[in-house]
Amino acid sequence: MRFAKLSLITLFSSAVLLSACQSQPSNTITFTPPSPSVQFNAANQHAILNILTRDARQQPEVSSYVYDEKIFKLFAEPKPAQIFDQVIKQDLNGKGFRIAATPAQSNTNVIVNINKFYADVEQGNLRYKITANVQINVQVQGAKGQFNKNIGSTRSQEGALRANNANIQKVLGQALNETVQSIYKDQEIANAINQYSN
């Protein structure tokens, strides 16, 4: 009898702990930026690029909201710097530019600063509003001069009840994808590389 009672208490305690663990959402949201569909230009082969991507944001999280009466922070996977490093390298390589293995091999620097990659969440009792903002600055530095360009997007969504990870990922993903598409469509950065490289 005592063994059965102890087993029942252990089983009940395990069930409570497991249900508590399962109910908390993940603190990571995953992003997969679209691939470029750019035109290869062999004339761009003379430029050898050193690409540096920096996360200039004030905080590492990409969003936060109230969950279970506490601030719940969300983080991106991969990290924003990794996302934009991949995007800018795929874009410029696809357009015909060569990427240097080391900075000493390059004749032009391309620096990407991530200034904003965040979704603000406003929640009330019955409604929520998510405003996502992705902003980057691309700098081209060559022997003949420099160029700067800001690229970004803002998206928002309102809904009933409470915001969740899926809502935040959707809105922030839309802002990210619009920013990435703007990078892929841009020709000013490629023109600046050709103008200012050795």
C-alpha atoms as a PDB file:
ATOM      1  CA  MET A   1       0.000   0.000   0.000  1.00  0.00           C
ATOM      2  CA  ARG A   2       2.764   2.412   0.946  1.00  0.00           C
ATOM      3  CA  PHE A   3       4.675   1.596  -2.272  1.00  0.00           C
ATOM      4  CA  ALA A   4       1.548   2.273  -4.357  1.00  0.00           C
ATOM      5  CA  LYS A   5       1.003   5.610  -2.589  1.00  0.00           C
ATOM      6  CA  LEU A   6       4.652   6.624  -3.121  1.00  0.00           C
ATOM      7  CA  SER A   7       4.488   5.582  -6.789  1.00  0.00           C
ATOM      8  CA  LEU A   8       1.307   7.600  -7.274  1.00  0.00           C
ATOM      9  CA  ILE A   9       2.883  10.704  -5.709  1.00  0.00           C
ATOM     10  CA  THR A  10       6.018  10.300  -7.845  1.00  0.00           C
ATOM     11  CA  LEU A  11       3.930   9.845 -10.983  1.00  0.00           C
ATOM     12  CA  PHE A  12       1.808  12.905 -10.196  1.00  0.00           C
ATOM     13  CA  SER A  13       4.902  15.042  -9.439  1.00  0.00           C
ATOM     14  CA  SER A  14       6.539  13.965 -12.705  1.00  0.00           C
ATOM     15  CA  ALA A  15       3.401  14.793 -14.663  1.00  0.00           C
ATOM     16  CA  VAL A  16       3.222  18.276 -13.124  1.00  0.00           C
ATOM     17  CA  LEU A  17       6.894  18.942 -13.874  1.00  0.00           C
ATOM     18  CA  LEU A  18       6.603  17.695 -17.447  1.00  0.00           C
ATOM     19  CA  SER A  19       3.497  19.750 -18.135  1.00  0.00           C
ATOM     20  CA  ALA A  20       5.218  22.855 -16.745  1.00  0.00           C
ATOM     21  CA  CYS A  21       8.228  22.245 -18.987  1.00  0.00           C
ATOM     22  CA  GLN A  22       6.101  21.668 -22.063  1.00  0.00           C
ATOM     23  CA  SER A  23       3.958  24.763 -21.637  1.00  0.00           C
ATOM     24  CA  GLN A  24       6.787  27.305 -21.819  1.00  0.00           C
ATOM     25  CA  PRO A  25       7.515  28.336 -25.416  1.00  0.00           C
ATOM     26  CA  SER A  26      10.974  28.176 -26.935  1.00  0.00           C
ATOM     27  CA  ASN A  27      13.102  31.299 -26.562  1.00  0.00           C
ATOM     28  CA  THR A  28      14.529  30.839 -30.076  1.00  0.00           C
ATOM     29  CA  ILE A  29      12.928  31.662 -33.406  1.00  0.00           C
ATOM     30  CA  THR A  30      14.501  30.458 -36.637  1.00  0.00           C
ATOM     31  CA  PHE A  31      14.926  32.470 -39.824  1.00  0.00           C
ATOM     32  CA  THR A  32      15.792  31.239 -43.311  1.00  0.00           C
ATOM     33  CA  PRO A  33      16.363  34.123 -45.733  1.00  0.00           C
ATOM     34  CA  PRO A  34      15.481  33.609 -49.401  1.00  0.00           C
ATOM     35  CA  SER A  35      18.224  32.717 -51.878  1.00  0.00           C
ATOM     36  CA  PRO A  36      19.331  35.280 -54.446  1.00  0.00           C
ATOM     37  CA  SER A  37      18.313  35.105 -58.076  1.00  0.00           C
ATOM     38  CA  VAL A  38      20.836  37.626 -59.369  1.00  0.00           C
ATOM     39  CA  GLN A  39      22.543  38.006 -62.727  1.00  0.00           C
ATOM     40  CA  PHE A  40      26.231  36.982 -62.795  1.00  0.00           C
ATOM     41  CA  ASN A  41      28.399  39.716 -64.306  1.00  0.00           C
ATOM     42  CA  ALA A  42      31.942  38.648 -65.261  1.00  0.00           C
ATOM     43  CA  ALA A  43      33.014  42.323 -65.364  1.00  0.00           C
ATOM     44  CA  ASN A  44      32.769  42.354 -61.559  1.00  0.00           C
ATOM     45  CA  GLN A  45      35.552  39.748 -61.202  1.00  0.00           C
ATOM     46  CA  HIS A  46      38.268  42.414 -60.807  1.00  0.00           C
ATOM     47  CA  ALA A  47      36.965  43.377 -57.346  1.00  0.00           C
ATOM     48  CA  ILE A  48      38.075  41.129 -54.489  1.00  0.00           C
ATOM     49  CA  LEU A  49      35.987  41.817 -51.414  1.00  0.00           C
ATOM     50  CA  ASN A  50      36.659  41.634 -47.706  1.00  0.00           C
ATOM     51  CA  ILE A  51      33.196  41.388 -46.134  1.00  0.00           C
ATOM     52  CA  LEU A  52      32.681  42.242 -42.473  1.00  0.00           C
ATOM     53  CA  THR A  53      29.272  41.957 -40.804  1.00  0.00           C
ATOM     54  CA  ARG A  54      28.761  43.613 -37.409  1.00  0.00           C
ATOM     55  CA  ASP A  55      25.813  43.492 -35.044  1.00  0.00           C
ATOM     56  CA  ALA A  56      25.492  47.104 -33.838  1.00  0.00           C
ATOM     57  CA  ARG A  57      22.263  46.530 -31.892  1.00  0.00           C
ATOM     58  CA  GLN A  58      22.041  47.438 -28.202  1.00  0.00           C
ATOM     59  CA  GLN A  59      20.570  44.095 -27.088  1.00  0.00           C
ATOM     60  CA  PRO A  60      21.063  40.495 -28.279  1.00  0.00           C
ATOM     61  CA  GLU A  61      17.368  39.512 -28.255  1.00  0.00           C
ATOM     62  CA  VAL A  62      15.108  40.063 -31.279  1.00  0.00           C
ATOM     63  CA  SER A  63      11.884  40.500 -29.308  1.00  0.00           C
ATOM     64  CA  SER A  64      10.361  40.216 -25.865  1.00  0.00           C
ATOM     65  CA  TYR A  65       6.872  39.921 -24.481  1.00  0.00           C
ATOM     66  CA  VAL A  66       5.079  39.132 -21.245  1.00  0.00           C
ATOM     67  CA  TYR A  67       4.583  35.424 -20.659  1.00  0.00           C
ATOM     68  CA  ASP A  68       3.423  34.017 -17.340  1.00  0.00           C
ATOM     69  CA  GLU A  69       3.771  37.510 -15.791  1.00  0.00           C
ATOM     70  CA  LYS A  70       7.482  37.696 -16.708  1.00  0.00           C
ATOM     71  CA  ILE A  71       9.445  39.269 -19.551  1.00  0.00           C
ATOM     72  CA  PHE A  72      10.166  36.488 -22.043  1.00  0.00           C
ATOM     73  CA  LYS A  73      13.046  37.264 -24.449  1.00  0.00           C
ATOM     74  CA  LEU A  74      13.371  35.746 -27.915  1.00  0.00           C
ATOM     75  CA  PHE A  75      16.631  35.175 -29.771  1.00  0.00           C
ATOM     76  CA  ALA A  76      17.252  34.530 -33.477  1.00  0.00           C
ATOM     77  CA  GLU A  77      18.802  31.379 -34.893  1.00  0.00           C
ATOM     78  CA  PRO A  78      21.028  31.887 -36.760  1.00  0.00           C
ATOM     79  CA  LYS A  79      22.100  35.186 -35.190  1.00  0.00           C
ATOM     80  CA  PRO A  80      21.346  38.347 -37.228  1.00  0.00           C
ATOM     81  CA  ALA A  81      25.048  38.873 -38.031  1.00  0.00           C
ATOM     82  CA  GLN A  82      25.254  35.345 -39.458  1.00  0.00           C
ATOM     83  CA  ILE A  83      22.065  35.864 -41.482  1.00  0.00           C
ATOM     84  CA  PHE A  84      23.273  39.078 -43.118  1.00  0.00           C
ATOM     85  CA  ASP A  85      26.820  37.784 -43.606  1.00  0.00           C
ATOM     86  CA  GLN A  86      25.372  34.892 -45.611  1.00  0.00           C
ATOM     87  CA  VAL A  87      22.968  37.153 -47.521  1.00  0.00           C
ATOM     88  CA  ILE A  88      25.544  39.769 -48.556  1.00  0.00           C
ATOM     89  CA  LYS A  89      28.122  37.138 -49.552  1.00  0.00           C
ATOM     90  CA  GLN A  90      25.593  35.179 -51.633  1.00  0.00           C
ATOM     91  CA  ASP A  91      24.380  38.382 -53.267  1.00  0.00           C
ATOM     92  CA  LEU A  92      27.776  39.802 -54.199  1.00  0.00           C
ATOM     93  CA  ASN A  93      29.242  36.423 -55.181  1.00  0.00           C
ATOM     94  CA  GLY A  94      26.174  35.782 -57.338  1.00  0.00           C
ATOM     95  CA  LYS A  95      26.688  39.160 -59.047  1.00  0.00           C
ATOM     96  CA  GLY A  96      30.235  38.120 -59.990  1.00  0.00           C
ATOM     97  CA  PHE A  97      32.382  39.608 -57.220  1.00  0.00           C
ATOM     98  CA  ARG A  98      35.096  37.494 -55.652  1.00  0.00           C
ATOM     99  CA  ILE A  99      35.176  37.082 -51.867  1.00  0.00           C
ATOM    100  CA  ALA A 100      38.650  37.180 -50.278  1.00  0.00           C
ATOM    101  CA  ALA A 101      39.718  34.401 -47.932  1.00  0.00           C
ATOM    102  CA  THR A 102      41.665  36.956 -45.844  1.00  0.00           C
ATOM    103  CA  PRO A 103      41.481  40.778 -45.660  1.00  0.00           C
ATOM    104  CA  ALA A 104      45.027  41.041 -47.077  1.00  0.00           C
ATOM    105  CA  GLN A 105      43.832  39.488 -50.365  1.00  0.00           C
ATOM    106  CA  SER A 106      41.093  42.079 -50.917  1.00  0.00           C
ATOM    107  CA  ASN A 107      41.047  45.415 -52.709  1.00  0.00           C
ATOM    108  CA  THR A 108      37.678  46.602 -51.334  1.00  0.00           C
ATOM    109  CA  ASN A 109      35.941  46.376 -47.957  1.00  0.00           C
ATOM    110  CA  VAL A 110      32.200  45.843 -47.652  1.00  0.00           C
ATOM    111  CA  ILE A 111      30.971  46.446 -44.107  1.00  0.00           C
ATOM    112  CA  VAL A 112      27.426  45.548 -43.072  1.00  0.00           C
ATOM    113  CA  ASN A 113      26.189  47.077 -39.805  1.00  0.00           C
ATOM    114  CA  ILE A 114      22.970  45.644 -38.388  1.00  0.00           C
ATOM    115  CA  ASN A 115      21.341  48.597 -36.632  1.00  0.00           C
ATOM    116  CA  LYS A 116      17.903  47.119 -35.950  1.00  0.00           C
ATOM    117  CA  PHE A 117      16.504  43.601 -35.954  1.00  0.00           C
ATOM    118  CA  TYR A 118      13.690  43.700 -33.439  1.00  0.00           C
ATOM    119  CA  ALA A 119       9.958  43.191 -33.043  1.00  0.00           C
ATOM    120  CA  ASP A 120       8.222  45.433 -30.491  1.00  0.00           C
ATOM    121  CA  VAL A 121       5.222  43.748 -28.898  1.00  0.00           C
ATOM    122  CA  GLU A 122       2.382  45.734 -27.328  1.00  0.00           C
ATOM    123  CA  GLN A 123      -0.163  43.628 -25.466  1.00  0.00           C
ATOM    124  CA  GLY A 124      -3.435  44.461 -23.807  1.00  0.00           C
ATOM    125  CA  ASN A 125      -6.099  42.205 -22.356  1.00  0.00           C
ATOM    126  CA  LEU A 126      -7.806  41.545 -25.692  1.00  0.00           C
ATOM    127  CA  ARG A 127      -5.423  42.702 -28.449  1.00  0.00           C
ATOM    128  CA  TYR A 128      -1.778  42.782 -29.416  1.00  0.00           C
ATOM    129  CA  LYS A 129       0.314  44.727 -31.913  1.00  0.00           C
ATOM    130  CA  ILE A 130       3.688  43.623 -33.257  1.00  0.00           C
ATOM    131  CA  THR A 131       5.924  46.115 -35.079  1.00  0.00           C
ATOM    132  CA  ALA A 132       9.066  44.614 -36.616  1.00  0.00           C
ATOM    133  CA  ASN A 133      11.947  46.763 -37.801  1.00  0.00           C
ATOM    134  CA  VAL A 134      15.021  45.534 -39.697  1.00  0.00           C
ATOM    135  CA  GLN A 135      17.604  48.182 -40.638  1.00  0.00           C
ATOM    136  CA  ILE A 136      21.133  47.705 -41.952  1.00  0.00           C
ATOM    137  CA  ASN A 137      23.826  50.010 -43.276  1.00  0.00           C
ATOM    138  CA  VAL A 138      26.158  48.831 -46.050  1.00  0.00           C
ATOM    139  CA  GLN A 139      29.502  50.613 -46.455  1.00  0.00           C
ATOM    140  CA  VAL A 140      31.856  50.189 -49.395  1.00  0.00           C
ATOM    141  CA  GLN A 141      35.464  51.259 -48.746  1.00  0.00           C
ATOM    142  CA  GLY A 142      37.962  51.243 -51.584  1.00  0.00           C
ATOM    143  CA  ALA A 143      41.194  53.006 -52.530  1.00  0.00           C
ATOM    144  CA  LYS A 144      39.237  55.548 -54.600  1.00  0.00           C
ATOM    145  CA  GLY A 145      36.518  56.433 -52.083  1.00  0.00           C
ATOM    146  CA  GLN A 146      33.612  55.347 -49.924  1.00  0.00           C
ATOM    147  CA  PHE A 147      29.868  54.726 -50.236  1.00  0.00           C
ATOM    148  CA  ASN A 148      27.072  54.229 -47.667  1.00  0.00           C
ATOM    149  CA  LYS A 149      23.565  52.907 -48.105  1.00  0.00           C
ATOM    150  CA  ASN A 150      20.787  52.196 -45.596  1.00  0.00           C
ATOM    151  CA  ILE A 151      18.423  49.323 -46.364  1.00  0.00           C
ATOM    152  CA  GLY A 152      15.513  48.149 -44.246  1.00  0.00           C
ATOM    153  CA  SER A 153      11.871  47.374 -43.749  1.00  0.00           C
ATOM    154  CA  THR A 154       9.161  47.819 -41.132  1.00  0.00           C
ATOM    155  CA  ARG A 155       6.142  45.536 -40.827  1.00  0.00           C
ATOM    156  CA  SER A 156       3.317  45.382 -38.318  1.00  0.00           C
ATOM    157  CA  GLN A 157       0.425  43.129 -37.416  1.00  0.00           C
ATOM    158  CA  GLU A 158      -2.446  43.400 -34.958  1.00  0.00           C
ATOM    159  CA  GLY A 159      -4.482  40.546 -33.589  1.00  0.00           C
ATOM    160  CA  ALA A 160      -6.807  39.321 -30.898  1.00  0.00           C
ATOM    161  CA  LEU A 161      -5.755  38.032 -27.482  1.00  0.00           C
ATOM    162  CA  ARG A 162      -1.992  37.541 -26.853  1.00  0.00           C
ATOM    163  CA  ALA A 163       1.061  37.587 -29.096  1.00  0.00           C
ATOM    164  CA  ASN A 164       3.117  34.404 -29.392  1.00  0.00           C
ATOM    165  CA  ASN A 165       6.341  33.186 -30.991  1.00  0.00           C
ATOM    166  CA  ALA A 166       4.642  32.294 -34.280  1.00  0.00           C
ATOM    167  CA  ASN A 167       3.132  35.793 -34.640  1.00  0.00           C
ATOM    168  CA  ILE A 168       6.454  37.452 -33.860  1.00  0.00           C
ATOM    169  CA  GLN A 169       8.394  35.167 -36.214  1.00  0.00           C
ATOM    170  CA  LYS A 170       5.915  35.872 -39.026  1.00  0.00           C
ATOM    171  CA  VAL A 171       6.127  39.678 -38.762  1.00  0.00           C
ATOM    172  CA  LEU A 172       9.891  39.823 -38.158  1.00  0.00           C
ATOM    173  CA  GLY A 173      10.394  37.287 -40.971  1.00  0.00           C
ATOM    174  CA  GLN A 174       8.418  39.509 -43.366  1.00  0.00           C
ATOM    175  CA  ALA A 175      10.592  42.520 -42.491  1.00  0.00           C
ATOM    176  CA  LEU A 176      13.741  40.396 -42.894  1.00  0.00           C
ATOM    177  CA  ASN A 177      12.644  38.999 -46.272  1.00  0.00           C
ATOM    178  CA  GLU A 178      11.768  42.472 -47.600  1.00  0.00           C
ATOM    179  CA  THR A 179      15.186  43.753 -46.515  1.00  0.00           C
ATOM    180  CA  VAL A 180      16.938  40.774 -48.124  1.00  0.00           C
ATOM    181  CA  GLN A 181      15.008  41.254 -51.384  1.00  0.00           C
ATOM    182  CA  SER A 182      16.031  44.940 -51.362  1.00  0.00           C
ATOM    183  CA  ILE A 183      19.670  43.857 -51.064  1.00  0.00           C
ATOM    184  CA  TYR A 184      19.302  41.419 -53.966  1.00  0.00           C
ATOM    185  CA  LYS A 185      17.620  44.028 -56.206  1.00  0.00           C
ATOM    186  CA  ASP A 186      20.080  46.797 -55.340  1.00  0.00           C
ATOM    187  CA  GLN A 187      22.619  47.868 -57.974  1.00  0.00           C
ATOM    188  CA  GLU A 188      24.091  50.904 -56.175  1.00  0.00           C
ATOM    189  CA  ILE A 189      26.316  48.769 -53.939  1.00  0.00           C
ATOM    190  CA  ALA A 190      27.726  46.857 -56.929  1.00  0.00           C
ATOM    191  CA  ASN A 191      28.275  50.131 -58.810  1.00  0.00           C
ATOM    192  CA  ALA A 192      30.086  51.627 -55.793  1.00  0.00           C
ATOM    193  CA  ILE A 193      32.346  48.572 -55.513  1.00  0.00           C
ATOM    194  CA  ASN A 194      33.308  48.940 -59.177  1.00  0.00           C
ATOM    195  CA  GLN A 195      33.773  52.704 -58.827  1.00  0.00           C
ATOM    196  CA  TYR A 196      35.884  52.696 -55.648  1.00  0.00           C
ATOM    197  CA  SER A 197      37.910  49.459 -55.907  1.00  0.00           C
ATOM    198  CA  ASN A 198      41.553  49.472 -57.082  1.00  0.00           C
END
